[in-house]
Amino acid sequence: MTLPLTPRIRPKADETAPALRRELCAHLRWLVASLSLWSTSVFGAANAAGAEDSKRVSLRYETLSYREISEFYNEWPIFLPNDDFVGATGGWIPIPHAEGPGFRFERTDKTKGLGFDTDGDTEIDTSFSMGLRSPPIITLRAKDLEGRPFEYSLRFRRRNMLSPFPRLRGPFPRVFFAAAGAMVGRMAGKPIRLIDGNGNGRYDDYGIDFLSVGESDVATYLSRIVSLRGKLYRLDVDPSGRTLRYSSDQGPFGVLDLTTKWQGPATLETAVVLEQRGQLSFDVAAARGGLRVPVGRYVLARGRLTRGDGQALVRNGDLEPFVVKAGQTTTIEWGSPFHLEFPCVEREDQWIVPAQQIVIRGPRGEEYFDWLLFKNWRGIKQTPLGEVRRIRDNRVLHQSRFPAAKNSLCESFLVSKDAPPTDPLQVRVTYQSPLFGLLEGKVQTGGQE
């Protein structure tokens, strides 16, 4: 790199001040030119090195069907950190294509029938009944906004369906759908899947869409940096999901460990974290002893505990962010002892504990949910025990187990108010869980004139 010569200006004696100003301006112009040449040289070389290291991957679309685990339990083959379904209103699935803003649907009867336009011509060409045994998956086919053929598969449920059962309950004023396929390929010799997380037909929404790398069936949020076989790579995903580019990332990094000091009867099988700015996400339970991740502040997006055929999910709740610093290992001690938390609703002549609102918390504030799921579930043999005690003499006024329904986890605990309204009462719920051990929660109610 050759820098420009510094100009020399020799002013006359009677014009010293203006000449000094002109010389100063000339020196400043020289300095700006020099810095420009230097930055072009340095950053141009860095970009050239990054471009040389970058590799391109082509991907294709693949539909992923449900796996039938038992008579009452089906699951999608990829574990997602957020399995929310997108609501479609106005009779349109809002995935744009070359012929319009979406794909039309309409009811075909008053209960479970739906008809769909699957090729984008607004004509209904497919219909089905949304039942228990075969959760419907349909594939939309059209041309994208650039005229290229594309596919997009959908799975459905209604708002009040119990996840992850494909059971549809009650009326459905809106259709709720999620992606049932992925853009698949191979990155650094390992499988990679991109999954649309918000139903807009794009695959480049970092921190919203999903990404699965390697042989694992666990997806993280789409992350600008991914971990594969102990190495970290930077990703650049095309909006269509047809291609991506990756290159080595050089840090700075630390180690986040959520498994070494986890305590509880169950195994922490999955722990997907998300950096607070929403651009980085990793399954840190995939590496026993900690996973190498970029520095930052991470929160727990979703985790999974398993023991035998039972499983439960965990989310951040009141957990403080996990701070990862360069060159350091952040190890979190969490888990047991656990306790139950639940609301107690007074309604006319009853106290009601809604079963689906009972959560388990750990001492650090994390929240465990869906904790009565069993892959070989055929009806719950032992449900939580509810009881009402009068506080002044500890007398048990009512005791019974939560009723179990055939195709749901458990129903609410109901008890009549047969104590004087001035007596403070305690509603207690206990449960011997194979995943958490003995659980207990208490709520005080009553005691009003």
Protein backbone atom coordinates (compact mmCIF):
# COMPACT_ATOMS: atom_id res chain seq x y z
CA MET A 1 0.00 0.00 0.00
CA THR A 2 1.45 3.38 -1.06
CA LEU A 3 0.33 6.49 0.83
CA PRO A 4 -0.02 9.83 -1.01
CA LEU A 5 2.79 12.31 -0.51
CA THR A 6 2.16 15.13 1.95
CA PRO A 7 1.74 18.38 -0.01
CA ARG A 8 4.10 21.20 0.90
CA ILE A 9 2.88 24.76 0.73
CA ARG A 10 5.34 27.66 1.26
CA PRO A 11 3.38 30.85 1.94
CA LYS A 12 4.65 34.37 1.55
CA ALA A 13 5.29 36.38 4.69
CA ASP A 14 2.34 38.72 4.18
CA GLU A 15 -0.19 35.91 3.83
CA THR A 16 0.92 33.68 6.69
CA ALA A 17 -2.50 33.13 8.35
CA PRO A 18 -4.45 32.14 5.22
CA ALA A 19 -1.54 30.00 4.09
CA LEU A 20 -1.47 28.13 7.43
CA ARG A 21 -5.15 27.41 7.10
CA ARG A 22 -4.64 26.11 3.56
CA GLU A 23 -1.72 23.94 4.73
CA LEU A 24 -3.79 22.58 7.64
CA CYS A 25 -6.64 21.67 5.26
CA ALA A 26 -4.17 19.96 2.94
CA HIS A 27 -2.77 17.90 5.83
CA LEU A 28 -6.30 16.89 6.88
CA ARG A 29 -7.13 15.81 3.33
CA TRP A 30 -3.94 13.74 3.27
CA LEU A 31 -4.84 12.11 6.60
CA VAL A 32 -8.35 11.20 5.41
CA ALA A 33 -6.97 9.73 2.17
CA SER A 34 -4.40 7.69 4.12
CA LEU A 35 -7.01 6.27 6.53
CA SER A 36 -9.28 5.41 3.61
CA LEU A 37 -6.51 3.48 1.86
CA TRP A 38 -5.58 1.68 5.08
CA SER A 39 -9.15 0.66 5.93
CA THR A 40 -9.76 -0.54 2.36
CA SER A 41 -6.61 -2.65 2.54
CA VAL A 42 -7.28 -4.19 5.97
CA PHE A 43 -11.02 -4.79 5.78
CA GLY A 44 -10.86 -5.79 2.14
CA ALA A 45 -8.36 -8.49 3.05
CA ALA A 46 -10.56 -9.62 5.96
CA ASN A 47 -13.66 -9.80 3.78
CA ALA A 48 -11.72 -11.68 1.12
CA ALA A 49 -10.57 -14.18 3.75
CA GLY A 50 -14.17 -14.57 5.03
CA ALA A 51 -15.48 -15.04 1.50
CA GLU A 52 -12.83 -17.64 0.82
CA ASP A 53 -13.80 -19.53 4.02
CA SER A 54 -17.56 -19.30 3.31
CA LYS A 55 -19.30 -22.40 1.92
CA ARG A 56 -22.67 -22.68 0.21
CA VAL A 57 -25.32 -25.33 0.96
CA SER A 58 -28.37 -26.12 -1.18
CA LEU A 59 -31.54 -27.33 0.55
CA ARG A 60 -34.75 -29.04 -0.57
CA TYR A 61 -38.20 -29.26 1.00
CA GLU A 62 -39.32 -32.33 2.94
CA THR A 63 -42.59 -33.05 4.76
CA LEU A 64 -42.22 -34.48 8.29
CA SER A 65 -45.18 -36.58 9.44
CA TYR A 66 -46.37 -37.29 12.97
CA ARG A 67 -44.99 -40.32 14.79
CA GLU A 68 -47.63 -42.48 16.45
CA ILE A 69 -46.38 -43.32 19.93
CA SER A 70 -49.56 -44.94 21.28
CA GLU A 71 -53.29 -45.02 20.68
CA PHE A 72 -53.70 -41.56 22.24
CA TYR A 73 -50.31 -39.97 21.69
CA ASN A 74 -48.78 -38.70 18.47
CA GLU A 75 -45.83 -36.34 18.27
CA TRP A 76 -44.08 -34.35 15.58
CA PRO A 77 -40.57 -35.75 15.05
CA ILE A 78 -38.74 -32.47 15.87
CA PHE A 79 -38.74 -30.99 19.37
CA LEU A 80 -39.31 -27.23 19.02
CA PRO A 81 -38.49 -24.54 21.59
CA ASN A 82 -41.88 -22.97 20.86
CA ASP A 83 -44.70 -25.09 19.45
CA ASP A 84 -47.24 -22.29 19.10
CA PHE A 85 -49.64 -22.54 16.18
CA VAL A 86 -50.50 -19.54 13.98
CA GLY A 87 -54.12 -18.45 13.76
CA ALA A 88 -55.56 -18.06 10.24
CA THR A 89 -58.67 -15.92 9.83
CA GLY A 90 -60.83 -14.74 6.96
CA GLY A 91 -60.55 -18.04 5.11
CA TRP A 92 -56.89 -17.60 4.04
CA ILE A 93 -53.63 -19.29 4.99
CA PRO A 94 -51.32 -16.22 4.73
CA ILE A 95 -48.43 -17.74 2.78
CA PRO A 96 -47.85 -15.53 -0.28
CA HIS A 97 -47.20 -16.95 -3.74
CA ALA A 98 -47.07 -15.70 -7.32
CA GLU A 99 -50.85 -15.80 -7.79
CA GLY A 100 -51.98 -14.21 -4.55
CA PRO A 101 -51.45 -13.44 -0.83
CA GLY A 102 -52.32 -16.92 0.43
CA PHE A 103 -54.28 -20.17 0.08
CA ARG A 104 -58.04 -20.27 0.62
CA PHE A 105 -59.86 -22.58 3.02
CA GLU A 106 -63.48 -23.01 4.12
CA ARG A 107 -65.58 -25.21 6.35
CA THR A 108 -67.24 -28.14 4.67
CA ASP A 109 -69.66 -28.91 7.53
CA LYS A 110 -70.64 -27.48 10.91
CA THR A 111 -68.14 -29.45 13.01
CA LYS A 112 -64.82 -30.84 11.85
CA GLY A 113 -64.73 -30.61 8.06
CA LEU A 114 -62.33 -28.28 6.27
CA GLY A 115 -61.69 -27.73 2.59
CA PHE A 116 -58.46 -26.25 1.19
CA ASP A 117 -57.11 -24.79 -2.00
CA THR A 118 -53.69 -26.45 -2.20
CA ASP A 119 -52.43 -25.08 -5.53
CA GLY A 120 -53.14 -21.36 -5.15
CA ASP A 121 -55.92 -21.06 -7.76
CA THR A 122 -58.58 -20.25 -5.04
CA GLU A 123 -60.55 -23.42 -5.90
CA ILE A 124 -61.13 -25.89 -3.03
CA ASP A 125 -59.52 -29.17 -4.06
CA THR A 126 -58.86 -31.02 -0.77
CA SER A 127 -61.08 -31.63 2.27
CA PHE A 128 -60.77 -33.70 5.41
CA SER A 129 -62.14 -34.23 8.92
CA MET A 130 -59.86 -33.12 11.75
CA GLY A 131 -60.00 -36.20 14.01
CA LEU A 132 -58.04 -37.88 16.79
CA ARG A 133 -56.17 -40.74 15.15
CA SER A 134 -54.89 -38.99 12.02
CA PRO A 135 -54.02 -35.33 12.55
CA PRO A 136 -54.31 -33.85 9.08
CA ILE A 137 -51.22 -32.72 7.18
CA ILE A 138 -51.68 -31.08 3.78
CA THR A 139 -49.07 -29.80 1.35
CA LEU A 140 -49.48 -26.52 -0.52
CA ARG A 141 -47.82 -26.27 -3.94
CA ALA A 142 -47.43 -23.13 -6.02
CA LYS A 143 -44.81 -20.75 -7.43
CA ASP A 144 -43.09 -18.21 -5.21
CA LEU A 145 -42.87 -14.49 -5.96
CA GLU A 146 -39.85 -15.14 -8.18
CA GLY A 147 -41.65 -17.81 -10.22
CA ARG A 148 -39.92 -20.83 -8.66
CA PRO A 149 -41.99 -23.88 -7.57
CA PHE A 150 -42.24 -24.37 -3.81
CA GLU A 151 -43.98 -26.62 -1.28
CA TYR A 152 -45.24 -25.91 2.23
CA SER A 153 -46.84 -28.55 4.45
CA LEU A 154 -49.24 -27.70 7.28
CA ARG A 155 -50.35 -29.40 10.49
CA PHE A 156 -53.39 -28.17 12.40
CA ARG A 157 -54.97 -27.90 15.79
CA ARG A 158 -57.58 -25.78 17.58
CA ARG A 159 -56.86 -23.19 20.20
CA ASN A 160 -57.95 -25.27 23.20
CA MET A 161 -56.39 -28.56 22.12
CA LEU A 162 -54.10 -30.08 24.73
CA SER A 163 -50.55 -30.10 23.35
CA PRO A 164 -49.09 -32.33 22.02
CA PHE A 165 -52.19 -34.52 21.57
CA PRO A 166 -53.76 -34.16 18.09
CA ARG A 167 -57.18 -34.12 19.76
CA LEU A 168 -59.50 -31.30 18.67
CA ARG A 169 -62.00 -30.03 21.20
CA GLY A 170 -64.76 -27.45 21.01
CA PRO A 171 -65.62 -24.97 18.26
CA PHE A 172 -62.95 -23.45 16.08
CA PRO A 173 -63.65 -19.88 14.94
CA ARG A 174 -60.12 -19.81 13.55
CA VAL A 175 -57.84 -22.42 12.03
CA PHE A 176 -54.51 -22.84 13.80
CA PHE A 177 -51.62 -24.18 11.76
CA ALA A 178 -47.87 -24.75 11.96
CA ALA A 179 -45.22 -25.89 9.54
CA ALA A 180 -45.14 -29.65 8.99
CA GLY A 181 -41.99 -29.67 6.88
CA ALA A 182 -38.47 -28.34 6.66
CA MET A 183 -35.81 -27.28 4.20
CA VAL A 184 -33.20 -30.03 4.53
CA GLY A 185 -29.60 -30.44 3.42
CA ARG A 186 -26.13 -31.19 4.77
CA MET A 187 -23.74 -28.77 6.43
CA ALA A 188 -20.14 -29.75 7.19
CA GLY A 189 -21.17 -33.36 6.54
CA LYS A 190 -24.12 -33.34 8.98
CA PRO A 191 -27.89 -33.01 8.38
CA ILE A 192 -29.45 -29.56 8.75
CA ARG A 193 -33.14 -28.56 8.81
CA LEU A 194 -34.70 -25.10 8.58
CA ILE A 195 -38.30 -24.79 9.85
CA ASP A 196 -40.58 -21.79 9.43
CA GLY A 197 -41.61 -20.75 12.93
CA ASN A 198 -44.21 -18.04 12.31
CA GLY A 199 -46.08 -19.24 9.23
CA ASN A 200 -44.95 -16.49 6.84
CA GLY A 201 -43.23 -18.82 4.36
CA ARG A 202 -39.74 -17.39 5.05
CA TYR A 203 -36.80 -19.17 6.67
CA ASP A 204 -34.53 -16.26 7.67
CA ASP A 205 -36.31 -14.92 10.77
CA TYR A 206 -33.53 -15.25 13.35
CA GLY A 207 -34.80 -15.95 16.86
CA ILE A 208 -38.23 -16.90 15.47
CA ASP A 209 -37.74 -19.68 12.90
CA PHE A 210 -36.15 -22.99 13.92
CA LEU A 211 -32.94 -24.83 13.12
CA SER A 212 -31.85 -28.42 13.68
CA VAL A 213 -28.23 -29.38 13.03
CA GLY A 214 -26.72 -32.84 13.26
CA GLU A 215 -28.43 -36.14 14.12
CA SER A 216 -30.47 -34.66 17.00
CA ASP A 217 -34.26 -34.36 16.82
CA VAL A 218 -34.05 -31.11 18.81
CA ALA A 219 -34.40 -27.74 17.11
CA THR A 220 -33.18 -24.43 18.46
CA TYR A 221 -34.30 -21.04 17.31
CA LEU A 222 -32.67 -19.98 14.06
CA SER A 223 -29.27 -18.69 15.16
CA ARG A 224 -26.62 -16.63 13.43
CA ILE A 225 -24.01 -18.93 14.98
CA VAL A 226 -24.41 -22.71 15.32
CA SER A 227 -22.45 -25.38 17.15
CA LEU A 228 -21.50 -28.53 15.29
CA ARG A 229 -19.05 -31.17 16.56
CA GLY A 230 -17.47 -28.68 18.97
CA LYS A 231 -16.94 -26.01 16.31
CA LEU A 232 -18.88 -22.79 15.82
CA TYR A 233 -20.05 -21.56 12.44
CA ARG A 234 -21.70 -18.33 11.30
CA LEU A 235 -24.85 -18.75 9.19
CA ASP A 236 -26.39 -16.63 6.47
CA VAL A 237 -29.77 -18.02 5.37
CA ASP A 238 -31.58 -17.09 2.16
CA PRO A 239 -35.21 -16.01 2.82
CA SER A 240 -36.51 -18.80 0.57
CA GLY A 241 -34.57 -21.41 2.57
CA ARG A 242 -33.18 -22.84 -0.67
CA THR A 243 -29.57 -21.96 0.20
CA LEU A 244 -27.41 -20.94 3.12
CA ARG A 245 -23.78 -20.00 3.56
CA TYR A 246 -21.63 -20.82 6.56
CA SER A 247 -18.12 -19.96 7.70
CA SER A 248 -15.99 -20.46 10.81
CA ASP A 249 -16.60 -18.03 13.65
CA GLN A 250 -13.71 -16.82 15.80
CA GLY A 251 -15.40 -15.65 18.97
CA PRO A 252 -15.14 -14.45 21.69
CA PHE A 253 -16.58 -17.51 23.42
CA GLY A 254 -17.28 -19.01 26.81
CA VAL A 255 -18.89 -22.24 28.08
CA LEU A 256 -22.47 -22.60 29.38
CA ASP A 257 -23.15 -25.69 31.52
CA LEU A 258 -26.73 -26.51 32.61
CA THR A 259 -26.30 -30.28 33.08
CA THR A 260 -23.47 -30.86 35.57
CA LYS A 261 -25.32 -29.41 38.58
CA TRP A 262 -28.87 -30.25 37.53
CA GLN A 263 -30.64 -32.02 40.42
CA GLY A 264 -33.73 -34.21 40.20
CA PRO A 265 -34.97 -37.77 39.58
CA ALA A 266 -35.44 -37.09 35.85
CA THR A 267 -32.79 -36.56 33.18
CA LEU A 268 -32.36 -33.12 31.64
CA GLU A 269 -32.48 -34.24 28.02
CA THR A 270 -32.88 -30.88 26.28
CA ALA A 271 -32.16 -27.27 27.26
CA VAL A 272 -32.60 -24.72 24.46
CA VAL A 273 -31.33 -21.26 25.38
CA LEU A 274 -31.81 -17.96 23.54
CA GLU A 275 -29.51 -14.96 23.79
CA GLN A 276 -31.48 -11.95 25.01
CA ARG A 277 -31.04 -10.05 21.74
CA GLY A 278 -32.71 -12.97 19.91
CA GLN A 279 -29.92 -13.73 17.43
CA LEU A 280 -28.22 -16.75 19.06
CA SER A 281 -29.71 -20.05 20.25
CA PHE A 282 -28.23 -23.40 21.34
CA ASP A 283 -29.22 -26.73 22.93
CA VAL A 284 -26.70 -26.68 25.77
CA ALA A 285 -27.83 -30.06 27.13
CA ALA A 286 -26.42 -31.66 23.98
CA ALA A 287 -22.91 -31.39 25.47
CA ARG A 288 -22.41 -32.90 28.92
CA GLY A 289 -20.13 -30.65 30.89
CA GLY A 290 -21.08 -27.52 28.97
CA LEU A 291 -21.31 -26.17 25.45
CA ARG A 292 -19.03 -23.57 23.88
CA VAL A 293 -21.16 -20.55 22.98
CA PRO A 294 -20.56 -16.87 22.11
CA VAL A 295 -20.45 -14.45 25.04
CA GLY A 296 -23.79 -12.95 26.02
CA ARG A 297 -26.79 -13.16 28.34
CA TYR A 298 -28.96 -16.22 27.73
CA VAL A 299 -32.42 -17.27 28.91
CA LEU A 300 -33.96 -20.74 28.94
CA ALA A 301 -36.42 -20.97 26.03
CA ARG A 302 -37.56 -24.55 26.64
CA GLY A 303 -36.18 -27.75 28.07
CA ARG A 304 -37.33 -31.34 28.36
CA LEU A 305 -37.03 -33.83 31.23
CA THR A 306 -37.51 -37.56 30.78
CA ARG A 307 -37.68 -40.62 32.99
CA GLY A 308 -39.02 -43.91 31.72
CA ASP A 309 -42.03 -43.15 29.54
CA GLY A 310 -42.74 -39.87 31.33
CA GLN A 311 -41.67 -36.40 30.32
CA ALA A 312 -42.12 -32.78 31.37
CA LEU A 313 -41.19 -29.44 29.84
CA VAL A 314 -39.42 -26.51 31.50
CA ARG A 315 -39.23 -22.82 30.63
CA ASN A 316 -37.41 -19.83 32.04
CA GLY A 317 -40.03 -18.53 34.46
CA ASP A 318 -38.20 -16.28 36.95
CA LEU A 319 -34.70 -17.61 36.23
CA GLU A 320 -32.02 -14.94 36.09
CA PRO A 321 -30.20 -14.72 32.73
CA PHE A 322 -27.14 -16.95 32.30
CA VAL A 323 -24.17 -14.62 31.75
CA VAL A 324 -21.40 -16.13 29.60
CA LYS A 325 -18.04 -14.34 29.62
CA ALA A 326 -15.07 -14.82 27.32
CA GLY A 327 -12.83 -17.72 28.32
CA GLN A 328 -14.97 -18.63 31.35
CA THR A 329 -17.37 -21.47 32.21
CA THR A 330 -20.82 -20.57 33.57
CA THR A 331 -22.25 -23.51 35.54
CA ILE A 332 -25.82 -23.25 36.86
CA GLU A 333 -26.99 -25.20 39.92
CA TRP A 334 -30.72 -25.77 39.61
CA GLY A 335 -33.52 -28.34 39.91
CA SER A 336 -34.84 -29.80 43.17
CA PRO A 337 -36.43 -29.16 45.61
CA PHE A 338 -39.61 -28.57 43.62
CA HIS A 339 -43.03 -27.30 44.71
CA LEU A 340 -46.49 -26.81 43.19
CA GLU A 341 -48.08 -23.46 42.40
CA PHE A 342 -51.71 -23.03 41.38
CA PRO A 343 -54.62 -20.59 41.54
CA CYS A 344 -57.71 -21.24 43.64
CA VAL A 345 -60.79 -19.68 42.10
CA GLU A 346 -63.90 -19.05 44.21
CA ARG A 347 -67.01 -19.38 42.11
CA GLU A 348 -70.46 -19.31 43.70
CA ASP A 349 -70.57 -22.30 46.07
CA GLN A 350 -67.30 -23.97 45.00
CA TRP A 351 -63.56 -23.67 45.13
CA ILE A 352 -61.94 -24.61 41.83
CA VAL A 353 -58.29 -25.51 41.18
CA PRO A 354 -57.87 -25.62 37.36
CA ALA A 355 -55.73 -28.65 36.64
CA GLN A 356 -54.10 -27.13 33.56
CA GLN A 357 -52.88 -24.15 35.61
CA ILE A 358 -50.92 -26.21 38.13
CA VAL A 359 -47.22 -25.62 37.55
CA ILE A 360 -44.08 -26.88 39.23
CA ARG A 361 -41.34 -24.44 40.23
CA GLY A 362 -37.76 -24.93 41.25
CA PRO A 363 -35.98 -22.81 43.87
CA ARG A 364 -34.40 -20.58 41.20
CA GLY A 365 -37.81 -19.77 39.73
CA GLU A 366 -37.86 -21.98 36.61
CA GLU A 367 -41.29 -23.29 35.63
CA TYR A 368 -42.10 -26.91 34.72
CA PHE A 369 -45.26 -27.66 32.73
CA ASP A 370 -46.96 -30.48 30.79
CA TRP A 371 -45.72 -32.66 33.63
CA LEU A 372 -48.38 -35.37 33.35
CA LEU A 373 -47.41 -36.48 29.85
CA PHE A 374 -46.67 -40.14 29.24
CA LYS A 375 -45.69 -41.53 25.85
CA ASN A 376 -47.49 -44.79 26.61
CA TRP A 377 -50.43 -42.95 28.19
CA ARG A 378 -53.74 -44.83 28.40
CA GLY A 379 -55.41 -42.96 31.23
CA ILE A 380 -53.82 -41.57 34.39
CA LYS A 381 -53.66 -44.17 37.15
CA GLN A 382 -52.87 -41.73 39.95
CA THR A 383 -53.81 -38.07 39.76
CA PRO A 384 -52.89 -35.26 42.19
CA LEU A 385 -54.64 -35.29 45.58
CA GLY A 386 -56.57 -32.18 46.59
CA GLU A 387 -57.78 -31.35 50.08
CA VAL A 388 -59.32 -28.47 52.01
CA ARG A 389 -58.29 -27.88 55.65
CA ARG A 390 -59.68 -25.48 58.21
CA ILE A 391 -56.67 -23.55 59.46
CA ARG A 392 -57.79 -22.91 63.07
CA ASP A 393 -57.91 -26.62 63.97
CA ASN A 394 -56.19 -28.24 60.92
CA ARG A 395 -59.32 -30.28 60.30
CA VAL A 396 -59.66 -31.84 56.82
CA LEU A 397 -63.02 -30.76 55.41
CA HIS A 398 -62.68 -32.40 52.03
CA GLN A 399 -60.21 -34.72 50.32
CA SER A 400 -60.29 -36.30 46.87
CA ARG A 401 -58.16 -36.89 43.82
CA PHE A 402 -58.42 -34.88 40.65
CA PRO A 403 -60.71 -36.77 38.27
CA ALA A 404 -59.05 -38.17 35.15
CA ALA A 405 -60.73 -37.87 31.78
CA LYS A 406 -60.28 -40.43 29.01
CA ASN A 407 -58.64 -38.14 26.47
CA SER A 408 -57.22 -35.33 28.62
CA LEU A 409 -54.59 -35.10 31.32
CA CYS A 410 -56.85 -34.36 34.28
CA GLU A 411 -59.82 -32.17 35.10
CA SER A 412 -60.20 -29.44 37.67
CA PHE A 413 -60.46 -30.09 41.40
CA LEU A 414 -63.87 -28.96 42.66
CA VAL A 415 -65.09 -28.77 46.25
CA SER A 416 -68.26 -27.30 47.74
CA LYS A 417 -68.04 -24.51 50.31
CA ASP A 418 -69.47 -26.26 53.36
CA ALA A 419 -67.49 -24.27 55.96
CA PRO A 420 -68.56 -20.96 57.53
CA PRO A 421 -67.40 -18.04 55.34
CA THR A 422 -65.47 -16.54 58.26
CA ASP A 423 -63.15 -19.56 58.59
CA PRO A 424 -59.74 -19.20 56.91
CA LEU A 425 -59.15 -22.32 54.85
CA GLN A 426 -56.17 -23.90 53.16
CA VAL A 427 -56.39 -25.68 49.82
CA ARG A 428 -53.51 -28.12 49.41
CA VAL A 429 -52.49 -30.22 46.42
CA THR A 430 -49.96 -33.07 46.65
CA TYR A 431 -48.64 -35.42 44.02
CA GLN A 432 -46.05 -38.19 44.01
CA SER A 433 -44.37 -37.65 40.66
CA PRO A 434 -41.98 -40.11 39.01
CA LEU A 435 -40.21 -37.11 37.47
CA PHE A 436 -40.01 -34.78 40.50
CA GLY A 437 -40.63 -36.84 43.64
CA LEU A 438 -43.17 -35.68 46.26
CA LEU A 439 -44.73 -32.34 45.30
CA GLU A 440 -46.87 -30.06 47.44
CA GLY A 441 -48.51 -26.65 47.09
CA LYS A 442 -50.79 -24.61 49.36
CA VAL A 443 -53.16 -21.68 48.89
CA GLN A 444 -55.13 -19.92 51.65
CA THR A 445 -58.70 -18.88 50.96
CA GLY A 446 -61.89 -17.99 52.81
CA GLY A 447 -61.88 -15.99 56.03
CA GLN A 448 -64.21 -13.22 54.82
CA GLU A 449 -67.51 -12.00 56.27
